[in-house]
Amino acid sequence: MDKDMQQRWEVLEQKVDEVHKSVSTIRRYIAIAFWVGVVMLVFPFVGLLFAIPTFLSTFSVYSGL
């Protein structure tokens, strides 16, 4: 019975190692997706910080005509 329990224990350890690898991979993918989402959200706002003043100055020049 001791050998049977030892064999089961080793199989369980292998399965836990496989699950750990899968979870680590999923965690990395989620982190990448998070940062890509942050970049896709922040960069347009940074662009608007430069575009809006330029647009307003151009619009004010044309409104004076």
PDB file of N, CA and C in Angstrom:
ATOM      1  N   MET A   1       0.828  -1.193   0.000  1.00  0.00           N
ATOM      2  CA  MET A   1       0.000   0.000   0.000  1.00  0.00           C
ATOM      3  C   MET A   1       0.870   1.254   0.000  1.00  0.00           C
ATOM      4  N   ASP A   2       2.030   1.155   0.582  1.00  0.00           N
ATOM      5  CA  ASP A   2       2.916   2.315   0.644  1.00  0.00           C
ATOM      6  C   ASP A   2       3.387   2.727  -0.754  1.00  0.00           C
ATOM      7  N   LYS A   3       3.690   1.739  -1.610  1.00  0.00           N
ATOM      8  CA  LYS A   3       4.115   2.057  -2.971  1.00  0.00           C
ATOM      9  C   LYS A   3       2.972   2.688  -3.756  1.00  0.00           C
ATOM     10  N   ASP A   4       1.773   2.205  -3.540  1.00  0.00           N
ATOM     11  CA  ASP A   4       0.607   2.756  -4.230  1.00  0.00           C
ATOM     12  C   ASP A   4       0.390   4.218  -3.833  1.00  0.00           C
ATOM     13  N   MET A   5       0.513   4.502  -2.564  1.00  0.00           N
ATOM     14  CA  MET A   5       0.344   5.885  -2.095  1.00  0.00           C
ATOM     15  C   MET A   5       1.469   6.776  -2.621  1.00  0.00           C
ATOM     16  N   GLN A   6       2.678   6.246  -2.659  1.00  0.00           N
ATOM     17  CA  GLN A   6       3.811   7.010  -3.178  1.00  0.00           C
ATOM     18  C   GLN A   6       3.595   7.335  -4.660  1.00  0.00           C
ATOM     19  N   GLN A   7       3.115   6.356  -5.408  1.00  0.00           N
ATOM     20  CA  GLN A   7       2.863   6.569  -6.831  1.00  0.00           C
ATOM     21  C   GLN A   7       1.757   7.613  -7.030  1.00  0.00           C
ATOM     22  N   ARG A   8       0.707   7.533  -6.256  1.00  0.00           N
ATOM     23  CA  ARG A   8      -0.373   8.519  -6.346  1.00  0.00           C
ATOM     24  C   ARG A   8       0.145   9.914  -5.994  1.00  0.00           C
ATOM     25  N   TRP A   9       0.994   9.966  -4.992  1.00  0.00           N
ATOM     26  CA  TRP A   9       1.553  11.255  -4.568  1.00  0.00           C
ATOM     27  C   TRP A   9       2.382  11.875  -5.694  1.00  0.00           C
ATOM     28  N   GLU A  10       3.183  11.068  -6.357  1.00  0.00           N
ATOM     29  CA  GLU A  10       4.000  11.564  -7.463  1.00  0.00           C
ATOM     30  C   GLU A  10       3.130  12.044  -8.624  1.00  0.00           C
ATOM     31  N   VAL A  11       2.055  11.317  -8.905  1.00  0.00           N
ATOM     32  CA  VAL A  11       1.138  11.731  -9.967  1.00  0.00           C
ATOM     33  C   VAL A  11       0.488  13.059  -9.597  1.00  0.00           C
ATOM     34  N   LEU A  12       0.103  13.208  -8.353  1.00  0.00           N
ATOM     35  CA  LEU A  12      -0.493  14.467  -7.906  1.00  0.00           C
ATOM     36  C   LEU A  12       0.501  15.619  -8.001  1.00  0.00           C
ATOM     37  N   GLU A  13       1.745  15.373  -7.651  1.00  0.00           N
ATOM     38  CA  GLU A  13       2.764  16.417  -7.762  1.00  0.00           C
ATOM     39  C   GLU A  13       2.955  16.847  -9.212  1.00  0.00           C
ATOM     40  N   GLN A  14       2.948  15.894 -10.125  1.00  0.00           N
ATOM     41  CA  GLN A  14       3.078  16.229 -11.543  1.00  0.00           C
ATOM     42  C   GLN A  14       1.893  17.073 -12.011  1.00  0.00           C
ATOM     43  N   LYS A  15       0.707  16.706 -11.579  1.00  0.00           N
ATOM     44  CA  LYS A  15      -0.480  17.461 -11.979  1.00  0.00           C
ATOM     45  C   LYS A  15      -0.448  18.874 -11.404  1.00  0.00           C
ATOM     46  N   VAL A  16       0.002  19.003 -10.167  1.00  0.00           N
ATOM     47  CA  VAL A  16       0.095  20.328  -9.553  1.00  0.00           C
ATOM     48  C   VAL A  16       1.127  21.176 -10.292  1.00  0.00           C
ATOM     49  N   ASP A  17       2.230  20.581 -10.693  1.00  0.00           N
ATOM     50  CA  ASP A  17       3.236  21.319 -11.467  1.00  0.00           C
ATOM     51  C   ASP A  17       2.673  21.789 -12.807  1.00  0.00           C
ATOM     52  N   GLU A  18       1.893  20.941 -13.470  1.00  0.00           N
ATOM     53  CA  GLU A  18       1.278  21.332 -14.741  1.00  0.00           C
ATOM     54  C   GLU A  18       0.284  22.471 -14.542  1.00  0.00           C
ATOM     55  N   VAL A  19      -0.492  22.398 -13.481  1.00  0.00           N
ATOM     56  CA  VAL A  19      -1.451  23.464 -13.193  1.00  0.00           C
ATOM     57  C   VAL A  19      -0.711  24.760 -12.888  1.00  0.00           C
ATOM     58  N   HIS A  20       0.391  24.671 -12.168  1.00  0.00           N
ATOM     59  CA  HIS A  20       1.181  25.865 -11.848  1.00  0.00           C
ATOM     60  C   HIS A  20       1.711  26.525 -13.122  1.00  0.00           C
ATOM     61  N   LYS A  21       2.205  25.718 -14.062  1.00  0.00           N
ATOM     62  CA  LYS A  21       2.680  26.269 -15.334  1.00  0.00           C
ATOM     63  C   LYS A  21       1.541  26.957 -16.077  1.00  0.00           C
ATOM     64  N   SER A  22       0.382  26.322 -16.100  1.00  0.00           N
ATOM     65  CA  SER A  22      -0.762  26.903 -16.809  1.00  0.00           C
ATOM     66  C   SER A  22      -1.192  28.214 -16.174  1.00  0.00           C
ATOM     67  N   VAL A  23      -1.240  28.246 -14.867  1.00  0.00           N
ATOM     68  CA  VAL A  23      -1.657  29.464 -14.168  1.00  0.00           C
ATOM     69  C   VAL A  23      -0.642  30.578 -14.387  1.00  0.00           C
ATOM     70  N   SER A  24       0.627  30.250 -14.387  1.00  0.00           N
ATOM     71  CA  SER A  24       1.654  31.269 -14.636  1.00  0.00           C
ATOM     72  C   SER A  24       1.517  31.849 -16.040  1.00  0.00           C
ATOM     73  N   THR A  25       1.257  30.995 -17.007  1.00  0.00           N
ATOM     74  CA  THR A  25       1.071  31.467 -18.377  1.00  0.00           C
ATOM     75  C   THR A  25      -0.160  32.351 -18.485  1.00  0.00           C
ATOM     76  N   ILE A  26      -1.246  31.937 -17.885  1.00  0.00           N
ATOM     77  CA  ILE A  26      -2.481  32.725 -17.921  1.00  0.00           C
ATOM     78  C   ILE A  26      -2.272  34.061 -17.227  1.00  0.00           C
ATOM     79  N   ARG A  27      -1.570  34.064 -16.108  1.00  0.00           N
ATOM     80  CA  ARG A  27      -1.299  35.310 -15.389  1.00  0.00           C
ATOM     81  C   ARG A  27      -0.489  36.273 -16.258  1.00  0.00           C
ATOM     82  N   ARG A  28       0.480  35.745 -16.992  1.00  0.00           N
ATOM     83  CA  ARG A  28       1.283  36.583 -17.879  1.00  0.00           C
ATOM     84  C   ARG A  28       0.417  37.162 -18.995  1.00  0.00           C
ATOM     85  N   TYR A  29      -0.456  36.342 -19.587  1.00  0.00           N
ATOM     86  CA  TYR A  29      -1.335  36.834 -20.653  1.00  0.00           C
ATOM     87  C   TYR A  29      -2.297  37.895 -20.143  1.00  0.00           C
ATOM     88  N   ILE A  30      -2.807  37.717 -18.943  1.00  0.00           N
ATOM     89  CA  ILE A  30      -3.719  38.710 -18.371  1.00  0.00           C
ATOM     90  C   ILE A  30      -2.975  40.016 -18.112  1.00  0.00           C
ATOM     91  N   ALA A  31      -1.749  39.933 -17.624  1.00  0.00           N
ATOM     92  CA  ALA A  31      -0.961  41.147 -17.387  1.00  0.00           C
ATOM     93  C   ALA A  31      -0.671  41.871 -18.698  1.00  0.00           C
ATOM     94  N   ILE A  32      -0.343  41.120 -19.736  1.00  0.00           N
ATOM     95  CA  ILE A  32      -0.087  41.742 -21.039  1.00  0.00           C
ATOM     96  C   ILE A  32      -1.351  42.405 -21.559  1.00  0.00           C
ATOM     97  N   ALA A  33      -2.485  41.724 -21.445  1.00  0.00           N
ATOM     98  CA  ALA A  33      -3.751  42.304 -21.906  1.00  0.00           C
ATOM     99  C   ALA A  33      -4.094  43.562 -21.116  1.00  0.00           C
ATOM    100  N   PHE A  34      -3.808  43.564 -19.821  1.00  0.00           N
ATOM    101  CA  PHE A  34      -4.073  44.740 -18.996  1.00  0.00           C
ATOM    102  C   PHE A  34      -3.241  45.928 -19.464  1.00  0.00           C
ATOM    103  N   TRP A  35      -1.941  45.708 -19.665  1.00  0.00           N
ATOM    104  CA  TRP A  35      -1.072  46.815 -20.051  1.00  0.00           C
ATOM    105  C   TRP A  35      -1.370  47.302 -21.464  1.00  0.00           C
ATOM    106  N   VAL A  36      -1.736  46.395 -22.347  1.00  0.00           N
ATOM    107  CA  VAL A  36      -2.132  46.824 -23.693  1.00  0.00           C
ATOM    108  C   VAL A  36      -3.397  47.673 -23.605  1.00  0.00           C
ATOM    109  N   GLY A  37      -4.332  47.282 -22.761  1.00  0.00           N
ATOM    110  CA  GLY A  37      -5.546  48.075 -22.574  1.00  0.00           C
ATOM    111  C   GLY A  37      -5.257  49.444 -21.995  1.00  0.00           C
ATOM    112  N   VAL A  38      -4.359  49.503 -21.033  1.00  0.00           N
ATOM    113  CA  VAL A  38      -3.992  50.794 -20.439  1.00  0.00           C
ATOM    114  C   VAL A  38      -3.344  51.688 -21.491  1.00  0.00           C
ATOM    115  N   VAL A  39      -2.449  51.128 -22.271  1.00  0.00           N
ATOM    116  CA  VAL A  39      -1.778  51.913 -23.312  1.00  0.00           C
ATOM    117  C   VAL A  39      -2.790  52.387 -24.347  1.00  0.00           C
ATOM    118  N   MET A  40      -3.707  51.522 -24.743  1.00  0.00           N
ATOM    119  CA  MET A  40      -4.706  51.906 -25.744  1.00  0.00           C
ATOM    120  C   MET A  40      -5.666  52.964 -25.208  1.00  0.00           C
ATOM    121  N   LEU A  41      -5.801  53.052 -23.916  1.00  0.00           N
ATOM    122  CA  LEU A  41      -6.675  54.054 -23.322  1.00  0.00           C
ATOM    123  C   LEU A  41      -5.932  55.363 -23.053  1.00  0.00           C
ATOM    124  N   VAL A  42      -4.695  55.288 -22.613  1.00  0.00           N
ATOM    125  CA  VAL A  42      -3.947  56.479 -22.202  1.00  0.00           C
ATOM    126  C   VAL A  42      -3.383  57.241 -23.400  1.00  0.00           C
ATOM    127  N   PHE A  43      -2.853  56.555 -24.396  1.00  0.00           N
ATOM    128  CA  PHE A  43      -2.234  57.248 -25.533  1.00  0.00           C
ATOM    129  C   PHE A  43      -3.192  58.178 -26.270  1.00  0.00           C
ATOM    130  N   PRO A  44      -4.437  57.797 -26.517  1.00  0.00           N
ATOM    131  CA  PRO A  44      -5.335  58.762 -27.160  1.00  0.00           C
ATOM    132  C   PRO A  44      -5.565  60.014 -26.312  1.00  0.00           C
ATOM    133  N   PHE A  45      -5.642  59.869 -25.007  1.00  0.00           N
ATOM    134  CA  PHE A  45      -5.814  61.043 -24.155  1.00  0.00           C
ATOM    135  C   PHE A  45      -4.588  61.949 -24.201  1.00  0.00           C
ATOM    136  N   VAL A  46      -3.422  61.363 -24.235  1.00  0.00           N
ATOM    137  CA  VAL A  46      -2.198  62.163 -24.353  1.00  0.00           C
ATOM    138  C   VAL A  46      -2.189  62.879 -25.698  1.00  0.00           C
ATOM    139  N   GLY A  47      -2.609  62.201 -26.737  1.00  0.00           N
ATOM    140  CA  GLY A  47      -2.704  62.841 -28.046  1.00  0.00           C
ATOM    141  C   GLY A  47      -3.698  63.981 -28.049  1.00  0.00           C
ATOM    142  N   LEU A  48      -4.811  63.809 -27.343  1.00  0.00           N
ATOM    143  CA  LEU A  48      -5.805  64.879 -27.261  1.00  0.00           C
ATOM    144  C   LEU A  48      -5.269  66.086 -26.502  1.00  0.00           C
ATOM    145  N   LEU A  49      -4.386  65.866 -25.549  1.00  0.00           N
ATOM    146  CA  LEU A  49      -3.791  66.991 -24.825  1.00  0.00           C
ATOM    147  C   LEU A  49      -3.024  67.915 -25.769  1.00  0.00           C
ATOM    148  N   PHE A  50      -2.474  67.361 -26.832  1.00  0.00           N
ATOM    149  CA  PHE A  50      -1.771  68.176 -27.814  1.00  0.00           C
ATOM    150  C   PHE A  50      -2.694  68.633 -28.940  1.00  0.00           C
ATOM    151  N   ALA A  51      -3.656  67.818 -29.308  1.00  0.00           N
ATOM    152  CA  ALA A  51      -4.507  68.133 -30.456  1.00  0.00           C
ATOM    153  C   ALA A  51      -5.536  69.215 -30.136  1.00  0.00           C
ATOM    154  N   ILE A  52      -6.115  69.188 -28.958  1.00  0.00           N
ATOM    155  CA  ILE A  52      -7.168  70.156 -28.615  1.00  0.00           C
ATOM    156  C   ILE A  52      -6.631  71.588 -28.591  1.00  0.00           C
ATOM    157  N   PRO A  53      -5.513  71.875 -27.930  1.00  0.00           N
ATOM    158  CA  PRO A  53      -5.012  73.257 -27.982  1.00  0.00           C
ATOM    159  C   PRO A  53      -4.671  73.711 -29.405  1.00  0.00           C
ATOM    160  N   THR A  54      -4.122  72.824 -30.204  1.00  0.00           N
ATOM    161  CA  THR A  54      -3.818  73.177 -31.590  1.00  0.00           C
ATOM    162  C   THR A  54      -5.101  73.482 -32.353  1.00  0.00           C
ATOM    163  N   PHE A  55      -6.104  72.643 -32.165  1.00  0.00           N
ATOM    164  CA  PHE A  55      -7.389  72.863 -32.833  1.00  0.00           C
ATOM    165  C   PHE A  55      -8.017  74.172 -32.379  1.00  0.00           C
ATOM    166  N   LEU A  56      -7.978  74.447 -31.088  1.00  0.00           N
ATOM    167  CA  LEU A  56      -8.583  75.681 -30.582  1.00  0.00           C
ATOM    168  C   LEU A  56      -7.855  76.920 -31.102  1.00  0.00           C
ATOM    169  N   SER A  57      -6.540  76.864 -31.166  1.00  0.00           N
ATOM    170  CA  SER A  57      -5.814  78.032 -31.683  1.00  0.00           C
ATOM    171  C   SER A  57      -6.099  78.228 -33.171  1.00  0.00           C
ATOM    172  N   THR A  58      -6.181  77.151 -33.921  1.00  0.00           N
ATOM    173  CA  THR A  58      -6.513  77.258 -35.343  1.00  0.00           C
ATOM    174  C   THR A  58      -7.932  77.765 -35.526  1.00  0.00           C
ATOM    175  N   PHE A  59      -8.847  77.262 -34.731  1.00  0.00           N
ATOM    176  CA  PHE A  59     -10.247  77.678 -34.827  1.00  0.00           C
ATOM    177  C   PHE A  59     -10.406  79.148 -34.458  1.00  0.00           C
ATOM    178  N   SER A  60      -9.659  79.600 -33.456  1.00  0.00           N
ATOM    179  CA  SER A  60      -9.773  81.004 -33.054  1.00  0.00           C
ATOM    180  C   SER A  60      -9.202  81.931 -34.123  1.00  0.00           C
ATOM    181  N   VAL A  61      -8.198  81.489 -34.849  1.00  0.00           N
ATOM    182  CA  VAL A  61      -7.649  82.289 -35.941  1.00  0.00           C
ATOM    183  C   VAL A  61      -8.687  82.433 -37.048  1.00  0.00           C
ATOM    184  N   TYR A  62      -9.371  81.344 -37.387  1.00  0.00           N
ATOM    185  CA  TYR A  62     -10.375  81.399 -38.451  1.00  0.00           C
ATOM    186  C   TYR A  62     -11.648  82.107 -38.018  1.00  0.00           C
ATOM    187  N   SER A  63     -11.947  82.100 -36.742  1.00  0.00           N
ATOM    188  CA  SER A  63     -13.164  82.781 -36.294  1.00  0.00           C
ATOM    189  C   SER A  63     -12.987  84.298 -36.318  1.00  0.00           C
ATOM    190  N   GLY A  64     -11.762  84.772 -36.308  1.00  0.00           N
ATOM    191  CA  GLY A  64     -11.497  86.201 -36.362  1.00  0.00           C
ATOM    192  C   GLY A  64     -11.604  86.772 -37.762  1.00  0.00           C
ATOM    193  N   LEU A  65     -11.715  85.924 -38.760  1.00  0.00           N
ATOM    194  CA  LEU A  65     -11.822  86.415 -40.137  1.00  0.00           C
ATOM    195  C   LEU A  65     -13.191  86.971 -40.320  1.00  0.00           C
TER     196      LEU A  65
END
